[in-house]
Amino acid sequence: MADTLPPAGTIKGELGKGELDKSQPVPDESADPNFMTSLARGLSVIRAFTEREPNLTIADIAKITGLPRAAARRCLLTLMQLGYAGSDGRTFFLKPKILALGYSFLSSAPLATILDPLIEQVSAAVQESCSAGVLDEDDVVYIARAATKRIMSVGLNVGSRLPAYCTSMGRILLAAMPEAELEAYLARVPLKPFTERTITVPDTLKRELERVRERGFALVDQELELGLRSIAVPIRTAAGGVVASVNVSTQAARVTCPEMEVQFLPRLLRAADEARILLVRSRGV
């Protein structure tokens, strides 16, 4: 493979350095008179902080976001004045008030509200971690999660992002894409190998996504991290459109792939059916 394999069994470096959640370059304001560059810059500064890098200097922020140091400094000082960030005199960090931004979405989104108790039930029944996610740009974003134990080298929470192409929830969402959108995704996104099992050839991934469509579920075996297996199903609207996916993740040493289909898949499918019914009742879709 042309890409260099990361150390087996870890994606810490990818997450910690922002490989999976890079702040997007701030677009040119002149391209759209309605675009607020200052707001875009502030959001890019917020996204620069990660679990691996909770404390950042102005120079760090400037490097991660591509902003001039003066602009990064103004954004940080503004966030401090508003109570969203703090400083120890050298580095900056986000404060708990920043959670209100994510809570605004969760409290107003019927999908997250509906899925949260359902995945709690699945997790309790199978005694494994269960999550729900949606596609945002090129990543899967977790909108609900019930974790029984930490099974990855990084902690996953609501708001965490992972690459779509090598995760079970991501493959469900990619498989539901119109062909033109999927081709654009494959042309845009480099398929980096996280382990030696990761599918990195676009045609091979397309064949796997066709298999996902035929079977109605996705099972990913140690492609994101060695020792991690996950199985996912789609959450559909009444019209059949896929709006999210839910999965169960487990350690490969505990459960085989065939056992996952027997033990986890039926419960996931029941949860997905219940979610579809509740979605119809909540918003008529």
C-alpha atoms as a PDB file:
ATOM      1  CA  MET A   1       0.000   0.000   0.000  1.00  0.00           C
ATOM      2  CA  ALA A   2       1.108   3.490  -0.707  1.00  0.00           C
ATOM      3  CA  ASP A   3       0.036   4.765   2.698  1.00  0.00           C
ATOM      4  CA  THR A   4       2.031   3.984   5.809  1.00  0.00           C
ATOM      5  CA  LEU A   5       0.222   1.826   8.316  1.00  0.00           C
ATOM      6  CA  PRO A   6      -0.291   3.401  11.739  1.00  0.00           C
ATOM      7  CA  PRO A   7       0.818   1.380  14.762  1.00  0.00           C
ATOM      8  CA  ALA A   8      -1.352  -1.683  15.088  1.00  0.00           C
ATOM      9  CA  GLY A   9      -4.278  -1.371  17.464  1.00  0.00           C
ATOM     10  CA  THR A  10      -4.268   2.380  17.874  1.00  0.00           C
ATOM     11  CA  ILE A  11      -5.866   5.411  16.285  1.00  0.00           C
ATOM     12  CA  LYS A  12      -4.772   7.814  18.987  1.00  0.00           C
ATOM     13  CA  GLY A  13      -2.427   9.682  16.704  1.00  0.00           C
ATOM     14  CA  GLU A  14      -5.121  10.158  14.080  1.00  0.00           C
ATOM     15  CA  LEU A  15      -7.647  11.537  16.544  1.00  0.00           C
ATOM     16  CA  GLY A  16      -5.199  13.505  18.619  1.00  0.00           C
ATOM     17  CA  LYS A  17      -3.730  15.392  15.701  1.00  0.00           C
ATOM     18  CA  GLY A  18      -7.092  16.108  14.162  1.00  0.00           C
ATOM     19  CA  GLU A  19      -6.786  13.733  11.191  1.00  0.00           C
ATOM     20  CA  LEU A  20     -10.405  12.666  11.622  1.00  0.00           C
ATOM     21  CA  ASP A  21     -11.795  16.020  12.619  1.00  0.00           C
ATOM     22  CA  LYS A  22      -9.711  18.721  10.994  1.00  0.00           C
ATOM     23  CA  SER A  23     -10.925  22.271  11.198  1.00  0.00           C
ATOM     24  CA  GLN A  24     -11.983  23.272   7.727  1.00  0.00           C
ATOM     25  CA  PRO A  25     -10.200  26.207   6.046  1.00  0.00           C
ATOM     26  CA  VAL A  26     -12.245  29.356   6.483  1.00  0.00           C
ATOM     27  CA  PRO A  27     -13.810  30.227   3.094  1.00  0.00           C
ATOM     28  CA  ASP A  28     -13.209  33.574   1.438  1.00  0.00           C
ATOM     29  CA  GLU A  29     -15.806  36.062   2.653  1.00  0.00           C
ATOM     30  CA  SER A  30     -15.836  37.780  -0.744  1.00  0.00           C
ATOM     31  CA  ALA A  31     -17.338  34.643  -2.313  1.00  0.00           C
ATOM     32  CA  ASP A  32     -20.596  35.156  -0.377  1.00  0.00           C
ATOM     33  CA  PRO A  33     -21.601  38.535   1.093  1.00  0.00           C
ATOM     34  CA  ASN A  34     -23.758  36.725   3.664  1.00  0.00           C
ATOM     35  CA  PHE A  35     -20.833  34.698   5.004  1.00  0.00           C
ATOM     36  CA  MET A  36     -19.506  35.758   8.444  1.00  0.00           C
ATOM     37  CA  THR A  37     -15.782  35.063   8.496  1.00  0.00           C
ATOM     38  CA  SER A  38     -15.489  35.953  12.182  1.00  0.00           C
ATOM     39  CA  LEU A  39     -18.090  33.347  13.149  1.00  0.00           C
ATOM     40  CA  ALA A  40     -16.415  30.719  10.963  1.00  0.00           C
ATOM     41  CA  ARG A  41     -13.069  31.480  12.575  1.00  0.00           C
ATOM     42  CA  GLY A  42     -14.501  31.146  16.056  1.00  0.00           C
ATOM     43  CA  LEU A  43     -16.025  27.771  15.248  1.00  0.00           C
ATOM     44  CA  SER A  44     -12.760  26.533  13.750  1.00  0.00           C
ATOM     45  CA  VAL A  45     -10.966  27.511  16.978  1.00  0.00           C
ATOM     46  CA  ILE A  46     -13.486  25.555  19.071  1.00  0.00           C
ATOM     47  CA  ARG A  47     -13.033  22.479  16.865  1.00  0.00           C
ATOM     48  CA  ALA A  48      -9.260  22.615  17.286  1.00  0.00           C
ATOM     49  CA  PHE A  49      -9.537  21.279  20.848  1.00  0.00           C
ATOM     50  CA  THR A  50      -9.616  17.486  21.186  1.00  0.00           C
ATOM     51  CA  GLU A  51      -9.451  14.835  23.872  1.00  0.00           C
ATOM     52  CA  ARG A  52      -5.736  14.427  23.140  1.00  0.00           C
ATOM     53  CA  GLU A  53      -5.106  18.188  22.962  1.00  0.00           C
ATOM     54  CA  PRO A  54      -7.333  19.837  25.583  1.00  0.00           C
ATOM     55  CA  ASN A  55      -4.832  22.644  26.232  1.00  0.00           C
ATOM     56  CA  LEU A  56      -3.522  24.662  23.299  1.00  0.00           C
ATOM     57  CA  THR A  57      -1.404  27.781  22.880  1.00  0.00           C
ATOM     58  CA  ILE A  58      -2.185  30.555  20.421  1.00  0.00           C
ATOM     59  CA  ALA A  59       0.536  29.156  18.171  1.00  0.00           C
ATOM     60  CA  ASP A  60      -1.065  25.701  18.341  1.00  0.00           C
ATOM     61  CA  ILE A  61      -4.460  27.096  17.398  1.00  0.00           C
ATOM     62  CA  ALA A  62      -3.004  29.084  14.519  1.00  0.00           C
ATOM     63  CA  LYS A  63      -1.245  25.996  13.165  1.00  0.00           C
ATOM     64  CA  ILE A  64      -4.291  23.731  13.449  1.00  0.00           C
ATOM     65  CA  THR A  65      -6.795  26.190  11.984  1.00  0.00           C
ATOM     66  CA  GLY A  66      -4.548  27.987   9.501  1.00  0.00           C
ATOM     67  CA  LEU A  67      -5.563  31.324  11.017  1.00  0.00           C
ATOM     68  CA  PRO A  68      -3.139  34.205  11.580  1.00  0.00           C
ATOM     69  CA  ARG A  69      -1.948  34.286  15.190  1.00  0.00           C
ATOM     70  CA  ALA A  70      -3.658  37.633  15.751  1.00  0.00           C
ATOM     71  CA  ALA A  71      -6.991  36.250  14.563  1.00  0.00           C
ATOM     72  CA  ALA A  72      -6.596  33.103  16.671  1.00  0.00           C
ATOM     73  CA  ARG A  73      -5.823  35.267  19.701  1.00  0.00           C
ATOM     74  CA  ARG A  74      -8.927  37.443  19.184  1.00  0.00           C
ATOM     75  CA  CYS A  75     -11.141  34.368  18.854  1.00  0.00           C
ATOM     76  CA  LEU A  76      -9.732  32.859  22.046  1.00  0.00           C
ATOM     77  CA  LEU A  77     -10.100  36.073  24.031  1.00  0.00           C
ATOM     78  CA  THR A  78     -13.681  36.453  22.803  1.00  0.00           C
ATOM     79  CA  LEU A  79     -14.486  32.882  23.836  1.00  0.00           C
ATOM     80  CA  MET A  80     -12.966  33.633  27.248  1.00  0.00           C
ATOM     81  CA  GLN A  81     -15.067  36.753  27.722  1.00  0.00           C
ATOM     82  CA  LEU A  82     -18.194  34.766  26.852  1.00  0.00           C
ATOM     83  CA  GLY A  83     -17.277  32.008  29.307  1.00  0.00           C
ATOM     84  CA  TYR A  84     -16.672  29.290  26.717  1.00  0.00           C
ATOM     85  CA  ALA A  85     -12.883  29.127  27.220  1.00  0.00           C
ATOM     86  CA  GLY A  86     -10.339  29.646  29.958  1.00  0.00           C
ATOM     87  CA  SER A  87      -6.587  30.093  30.235  1.00  0.00           C
ATOM     88  CA  ASP A  88      -3.817  29.183  32.662  1.00  0.00           C
ATOM     89  CA  GLY A  89      -1.732  32.082  31.426  1.00  0.00           C
ATOM     90  CA  ARG A  90       0.025  30.128  28.683  1.00  0.00           C
ATOM     91  CA  THR A  91      -2.474  27.708  27.195  1.00  0.00           C
ATOM     92  CA  PHE A  92      -6.194  27.873  26.545  1.00  0.00           C
ATOM     93  CA  PHE A  93      -8.882  25.272  27.235  1.00  0.00           C
ATOM     94  CA  LEU A  94     -12.623  24.914  26.759  1.00  0.00           C
ATOM     95  CA  LYS A  95     -14.919  25.371  29.746  1.00  0.00           C
ATOM     96  CA  PRO A  96     -18.107  23.421  30.570  1.00  0.00           C
ATOM     97  CA  LYS A  97     -20.301  26.176  29.121  1.00  0.00           C
ATOM     98  CA  ILE A  98     -19.260  24.972  25.647  1.00  0.00           C
ATOM     99  CA  LEU A  99     -21.499  21.922  26.232  1.00  0.00           C
ATOM    100  CA  ALA A 100     -24.523  24.202  25.882  1.00  0.00           C
ATOM    101  CA  LEU A 101     -23.812  24.475  22.154  1.00  0.00           C
ATOM    102  CA  GLY A 102     -24.091  20.722  21.660  1.00  0.00           C
ATOM    103  CA  TYR A 103     -27.032  20.472  24.045  1.00  0.00           C
ATOM    104  CA  SER A 104     -28.966  22.915  21.874  1.00  0.00           C
ATOM    105  CA  PHE A 105     -28.811  20.346  19.073  1.00  0.00           C
ATOM    106  CA  LEU A 106     -29.528  17.314  21.235  1.00  0.00           C
ATOM    107  CA  SER A 107     -32.466  18.910  23.001  1.00  0.00           C
ATOM    108  CA  SER A 108     -34.047  20.101  19.745  1.00  0.00           C
ATOM    109  CA  ALA A 109     -33.340  17.019  17.613  1.00  0.00           C
ATOM    110  CA  PRO A 110     -36.073  14.369  17.859  1.00  0.00           C
ATOM    111  CA  LEU A 111     -33.736  11.775  16.331  1.00  0.00           C
ATOM    112  CA  ALA A 112     -31.217  11.940  19.186  1.00  0.00           C
ATOM    113  CA  THR A 113     -34.000  12.075  21.762  1.00  0.00           C
ATOM    114  CA  ILE A 114     -35.655   8.987  20.282  1.00  0.00           C
ATOM    115  CA  LEU A 115     -32.480   6.953  19.853  1.00  0.00           C
ATOM    116  CA  ASP A 116     -30.924   7.586  23.252  1.00  0.00           C
ATOM    117  CA  PRO A 117     -33.243   5.328  25.318  1.00  0.00           C
ATOM    118  CA  LEU A 118     -33.327   2.697  22.563  1.00  0.00           C
ATOM    119  CA  ILE A 119     -29.565   2.237  22.473  1.00  0.00           C
ATOM    120  CA  GLU A 120     -29.515   2.156  26.265  1.00  0.00           C
ATOM    121  CA  GLN A 121     -31.908  -0.790  26.075  1.00  0.00           C
ATOM    122  CA  VAL A 122     -29.827  -2.588  23.443  1.00  0.00           C
ATOM    123  CA  SER A 123     -26.618  -2.013  25.393  1.00  0.00           C
ATOM    124  CA  ALA A 124     -28.158  -3.333  28.604  1.00  0.00           C
ATOM    125  CA  ALA A 125     -29.516  -6.408  26.825  1.00  0.00           C
ATOM    126  CA  VAL A 126     -26.292  -7.426  25.058  1.00  0.00           C
ATOM    127  CA  GLN A 127     -23.862  -6.031  27.635  1.00  0.00           C
ATOM    128  CA  GLU A 128     -21.851  -4.260  24.956  1.00  0.00           C
ATOM    129  CA  SER A 129     -21.428  -0.656  23.845  1.00  0.00           C
ATOM    130  CA  CYS A 130     -24.136   0.675  21.544  1.00  0.00           C
ATOM    131  CA  SER A 131     -24.100   3.913  19.557  1.00  0.00           C
ATOM    132  CA  ALA A 132     -26.080   5.945  17.046  1.00  0.00           C
ATOM    133  CA  GLY A 133     -24.578   8.194  14.411  1.00  0.00           C
ATOM    134  CA  VAL A 134     -25.288  10.378  11.408  1.00  0.00           C
ATOM    135  CA  LEU A 135     -23.151  11.435   8.477  1.00  0.00           C
ATOM    136  CA  ASP A 136     -21.650  14.917   8.765  1.00  0.00           C
ATOM    137  CA  GLU A 137     -19.409  15.967   5.896  1.00  0.00           C
ATOM    138  CA  ASP A 138     -17.238  12.845   5.433  1.00  0.00           C
ATOM    139  CA  ASP A 139     -17.398  11.474   8.976  1.00  0.00           C
ATOM    140  CA  VAL A 140     -19.795   9.638  11.232  1.00  0.00           C
ATOM    141  CA  VAL A 141     -20.776  11.823  14.183  1.00  0.00           C
ATOM    142  CA  TYR A 142     -22.043  10.129  17.335  1.00  0.00           C
ATOM    143  CA  ILE A 143     -25.412  11.533  18.439  1.00  0.00           C
ATOM    144  CA  ALA A 144     -26.130   8.962  21.163  1.00  0.00           C
ATOM    145  CA  ARG A 145     -23.997   6.402  22.979  1.00  0.00           C
ATOM    146  CA  ALA A 146     -24.276   3.842  25.765  1.00  0.00           C
ATOM    147  CA  ALA A 147     -20.854   2.457  26.713  1.00  0.00           C
ATOM    148  CA  THR A 148     -20.478  -0.563  28.979  1.00  0.00           C
ATOM    149  CA  LYS A 149     -16.696  -0.483  28.888  1.00  0.00           C
ATOM    150  CA  ARG A 150     -13.884   1.200  27.004  1.00  0.00           C
ATOM    151  CA  ILE A 151     -12.998  -1.062  24.100  1.00  0.00           C
ATOM    152  CA  MET A 152     -11.027   1.367  21.926  1.00  0.00           C
ATOM    153  CA  SER A 153      -7.743   3.140  22.439  1.00  0.00           C
ATOM    154  CA  VAL A 154      -9.667   6.420  22.386  1.00  0.00           C
ATOM    155  CA  GLY A 155     -12.775   7.376  24.304  1.00  0.00           C
ATOM    156  CA  LEU A 156     -15.942   7.893  22.254  1.00  0.00           C
ATOM    157  CA  ASN A 157     -18.745  10.185  23.336  1.00  0.00           C
ATOM    158  CA  VAL A 158     -21.602  12.125  21.826  1.00  0.00           C
ATOM    159  CA  GLY A 159     -20.010  14.442  19.281  1.00  0.00           C
ATOM    160  CA  SER A 160     -17.080  12.127  18.503  1.00  0.00           C
ATOM    161  CA  ARG A 161     -16.223  11.746  14.824  1.00  0.00           C
ATOM    162  CA  LEU A 162     -14.865   8.711  12.993  1.00  0.00           C
ATOM    163  CA  PRO A 163     -14.211   8.035   9.304  1.00  0.00           C
ATOM    164  CA  ALA A 164     -17.244   6.640   7.506  1.00  0.00           C
ATOM    165  CA  TYR A 165     -15.467   4.226   5.175  1.00  0.00           C
ATOM    166  CA  CYS A 166     -14.055   1.887   7.836  1.00  0.00           C
ATOM    167  CA  THR A 167     -16.811   1.942  10.466  1.00  0.00           C
ATOM    168  CA  SER A 168     -20.018  -0.077  10.504  1.00  0.00           C
ATOM    169  CA  MET A 169     -22.298   2.930  11.010  1.00  0.00           C
ATOM    170  CA  GLY A 170     -20.432   4.798   8.307  1.00  0.00           C
ATOM    171  CA  ARG A 171     -20.857   2.006   5.791  1.00  0.00           C
ATOM    172  CA  ILE A 172     -24.589   1.912   6.443  1.00  0.00           C
ATOM    173  CA  LEU A 173     -24.783   5.624   5.670  1.00  0.00           C
ATOM    174  CA  LEU A 174     -22.494   5.430   2.635  1.00  0.00           C
ATOM    175  CA  ALA A 175     -24.466   2.500   1.239  1.00  0.00           C
ATOM    176  CA  ALA A 176     -27.599   4.663   1.333  1.00  0.00           C
ATOM    177  CA  MET A 177     -26.005   7.454  -0.707  1.00  0.00           C
ATOM    178  CA  PRO A 178     -27.105   8.129  -4.288  1.00  0.00           C
ATOM    179  CA  GLU A 179     -24.483   6.817  -6.708  1.00  0.00           C
ATOM    180  CA  ALA A 180     -23.294  10.284  -7.761  1.00  0.00           C
ATOM    181  CA  GLU A 181     -22.760  11.345  -4.145  1.00  0.00           C
ATOM    182  CA  LEU A 182     -20.892   8.148  -3.345  1.00  0.00           C
ATOM    183  CA  GLU A 183     -18.599   8.631  -6.352  1.00  0.00           C
ATOM    184  CA  ALA A 184     -17.886  12.180  -5.200  1.00  0.00           C
ATOM    185  CA  TYR A 185     -17.117  10.905  -1.690  1.00  0.00           C
ATOM    186  CA  LEU A 186     -14.696   8.277  -3.008  1.00  0.00           C
ATOM    187  CA  ALA A 187     -12.973  10.856  -5.200  1.00  0.00           C
ATOM    188  CA  ARG A 188     -12.644  13.268  -2.286  1.00  0.00           C
ATOM    189  CA  VAL A 189     -11.753  11.074   0.698  1.00  0.00           C
ATOM    190  CA  PRO A 190      -8.391   9.267   0.961  1.00  0.00           C
ATOM    191  CA  LEU A 191      -8.957   5.716   2.221  1.00  0.00           C
ATOM    192  CA  LYS A 192      -6.193   5.565   4.800  1.00  0.00           C
ATOM    193  CA  PRO A 193      -5.294   2.213   6.385  1.00  0.00           C
ATOM    194  CA  PHE A 194      -5.866   2.187  10.137  1.00  0.00           C
ATOM    195  CA  THR A 195      -4.955  -1.511  10.310  1.00  0.00           C
ATOM    196  CA  GLU A 196      -3.822  -4.060   7.744  1.00  0.00           C
ATOM    197  CA  ARG A 197      -7.490  -5.071   7.430  1.00  0.00           C
ATOM    198  CA  THR A 198      -8.770  -1.649   6.358  1.00  0.00           C
ATOM    199  CA  ILE A 199     -10.295  -1.515   2.882  1.00  0.00           C
ATOM    200  CA  THR A 200      -8.333   1.138   1.009  1.00  0.00           C
ATOM    201  CA  VAL A 201      -9.297   0.382  -2.618  1.00  0.00           C
ATOM    202  CA  PRO A 202     -12.381   2.318  -3.808  1.00  0.00           C
ATOM    203  CA  ASP A 203     -13.712  -0.494  -6.007  1.00  0.00           C
ATOM    204  CA  THR A 204     -13.387  -2.965  -3.145  1.00  0.00           C
ATOM    205  CA  LEU A 205     -15.239  -0.578  -0.838  1.00  0.00           C
ATOM    206  CA  LYS A 206     -17.987  -0.145  -3.438  1.00  0.00           C
ATOM    207  CA  ARG A 207     -18.438  -3.919  -3.590  1.00  0.00           C
ATOM    208  CA  GLU A 208     -18.618  -4.077   0.198  1.00  0.00           C
ATOM    209  CA  LEU A 209     -21.241  -1.295   0.242  1.00  0.00           C
ATOM    210  CA  GLU A 210     -23.302  -3.236  -2.295  1.00  0.00           C
ATOM    211  CA  ARG A 211     -23.117  -6.213   0.064  1.00  0.00           C
ATOM    212  CA  VAL A 212     -24.287  -3.966   2.903  1.00  0.00           C
ATOM    213  CA  ARG A 213     -27.306  -2.894   0.836  1.00  0.00           C
ATOM    214  CA  GLU A 214     -28.164  -6.499   0.023  1.00  0.00           C
ATOM    215  CA  ARG A 215     -27.816  -7.801   3.602  1.00  0.00           C
ATOM    216  CA  GLY A 216     -29.352  -4.810   5.384  1.00  0.00           C
ATOM    217  CA  PHE A 217     -26.513  -4.517   7.873  1.00  0.00           C
ATOM    218  CA  ALA A 218     -22.781  -3.775   8.011  1.00  0.00           C
ATOM    219  CA  LEU A 219     -20.203  -5.770   9.935  1.00  0.00           C
ATOM    220  CA  VAL A 220     -16.691  -4.345  10.210  1.00  0.00           C
ATOM    221  CA  ASP A 221     -13.956  -6.601  11.520  1.00  0.00           C
ATOM    222  CA  GLN A 222     -10.920  -4.790  12.951  1.00  0.00           C
ATOM    223  CA  GLU A 223     -10.602  -2.220  10.147  1.00  0.00           C
ATOM    224  CA  LEU A 224     -10.590   0.840  12.404  1.00  0.00           C
ATOM    225  CA  GLU A 225      -8.630  -0.711  15.237  1.00  0.00           C
ATOM    226  CA  LEU A 226      -7.258  -4.191  15.804  1.00  0.00           C
ATOM    227  CA  GLY A 227      -9.341  -6.083  18.337  1.00  0.00           C
ATOM    228  CA  LEU A 228     -12.524  -4.105  17.592  1.00  0.00           C
ATOM    229  CA  ARG A 229     -15.584  -5.460  15.770  1.00  0.00           C
ATOM    230  CA  SER A 230     -18.877  -3.693  15.183  1.00  0.00           C
ATOM    231  CA  ILE A 231     -22.205  -4.372  13.515  1.00  0.00           C
ATOM    232  CA  ALA A 232     -24.701  -1.713  12.428  1.00  0.00           C
ATOM    233  CA  VAL A 233     -28.154  -1.330  10.890  1.00  0.00           C
ATOM    234  CA  PRO A 234     -29.943   1.673   9.336  1.00  0.00           C
ATOM    235  CA  ILE A 235     -32.591   3.874  10.912  1.00  0.00           C
ATOM    236  CA  ARG A 236     -35.163   4.544   8.208  1.00  0.00           C
ATOM    237  CA  THR A 237     -38.053   6.919   7.695  1.00  0.00           C
ATOM    238  CA  ALA A 238     -41.503   5.698   6.695  1.00  0.00           C
ATOM    239  CA  ALA A 239     -40.508   6.371   3.073  1.00  0.00           C
ATOM    240  CA  GLY A 240     -37.449   4.155   3.411  1.00  0.00           C
ATOM    241  CA  GLY A 241     -34.775   6.849   3.535  1.00  0.00           C
ATOM    242  CA  VAL A 242     -31.826   6.296   5.874  1.00  0.00           C
ATOM    243  CA  VAL A 243     -31.426   9.072   8.438  1.00  0.00           C
ATOM    244  CA  ALA A 244     -29.003   7.441  10.895  1.00  0.00           C
ATOM    245  CA  SER A 245     -27.438   4.153  11.909  1.00  0.00           C
ATOM    246  CA  VAL A 246     -27.025   2.248  15.168  1.00  0.00           C
ATOM    247  CA  ASN A 247     -24.335  -0.250  16.068  1.00  0.00           C
ATOM    248  CA  VAL A 248     -22.988  -2.582  18.704  1.00  0.00           C
ATOM    249  CA  SER A 249     -19.223  -2.735  19.218  1.00  0.00           C
ATOM    250  CA  THR A 250     -17.283  -5.454  20.952  1.00  0.00           C
ATOM    251  CA  GLN A 251     -13.822  -6.881  21.436  1.00  0.00           C
ATOM    252  CA  ALA A 252     -12.853  -9.420  18.788  1.00  0.00           C
ATOM    253  CA  ALA A 253     -11.455 -11.752  21.439  1.00  0.00           C
ATOM    254  CA  ARG A 254     -14.895 -12.097  23.042  1.00  0.00           C
ATOM    255  CA  VAL A 255     -17.296 -12.465  20.119  1.00  0.00           C
ATOM    256  CA  THR A 256     -16.816 -13.887  16.607  1.00  0.00           C
ATOM    257  CA  CYS A 257     -18.395 -12.325  13.526  1.00  0.00           C
ATOM    258  CA  PRO A 258     -21.016 -15.097  13.161  1.00  0.00           C
ATOM    259  CA  GLU A 259     -21.867 -14.752  16.842  1.00  0.00           C
ATOM    260  CA  MET A 260     -22.410 -11.008  16.373  1.00  0.00           C
ATOM    261  CA  GLU A 261     -25.047 -11.706  13.735  1.00  0.00           C
ATOM    262  CA  VAL A 262     -26.841 -14.100  16.068  1.00  0.00           C
ATOM    263  CA  GLN A 263     -26.505 -12.203  19.352  1.00  0.00           C
ATOM    264  CA  PHE A 264     -26.617  -8.525  18.327  1.00  0.00           C
ATOM    265  CA  LEU A 265     -28.303  -8.164  14.924  1.00  0.00           C
ATOM    266  CA  PRO A 266     -31.876  -9.119  15.954  1.00  0.00           C
ATOM    267  CA  ARG A 267     -31.865  -6.606  18.819  1.00  0.00           C
ATOM    268  CA  LEU A 268     -30.475  -3.872  16.580  1.00  0.00           C
ATOM    269  CA  LEU A 269     -33.144  -4.540  13.963  1.00  0.00           C
ATOM    270  CA  ARG A 270     -35.895  -4.370  16.581  1.00  0.00           C
ATOM    271  CA  ALA A 271     -34.513  -1.085  17.896  1.00  0.00           C
ATOM    272  CA  ALA A 272     -34.357   0.293  14.344  1.00  0.00           C
ATOM    273  CA  ASP A 273     -37.991  -0.675  13.718  1.00  0.00           C
ATOM    274  CA  GLU A 274     -39.072   0.997  16.938  1.00  0.00           C
ATOM    275  CA  ALA A 275     -37.091   4.119  16.061  1.00  0.00           C
ATOM    276  CA  ARG A 276     -38.811   4.295  12.658  1.00  0.00           C
ATOM    277  CA  ILE A 277     -42.244   4.128  14.285  1.00  0.00           C
ATOM    278  CA  LEU A 278     -41.340   6.797  16.839  1.00  0.00           C
ATOM    279  CA  LEU A 279     -39.937   9.046  14.121  1.00  0.00           C
ATOM    280  CA  VAL A 280     -43.167   8.814  12.164  1.00  0.00           C
ATOM    281  CA  ARG A 281     -45.144   9.764  15.263  1.00  0.00           C
ATOM    282  CA  SER A 282     -42.829  12.654  16.127  1.00  0.00           C
ATOM    283  CA  ARG A 283     -42.550  14.320  12.735  1.00  0.00           C
ATOM    284  CA  GLY A 284     -44.491  12.306  10.202  1.00  0.00           C
ATOM    285  CA  VAL A 285     -41.533  11.070   8.100  1.00  0.00           C
END
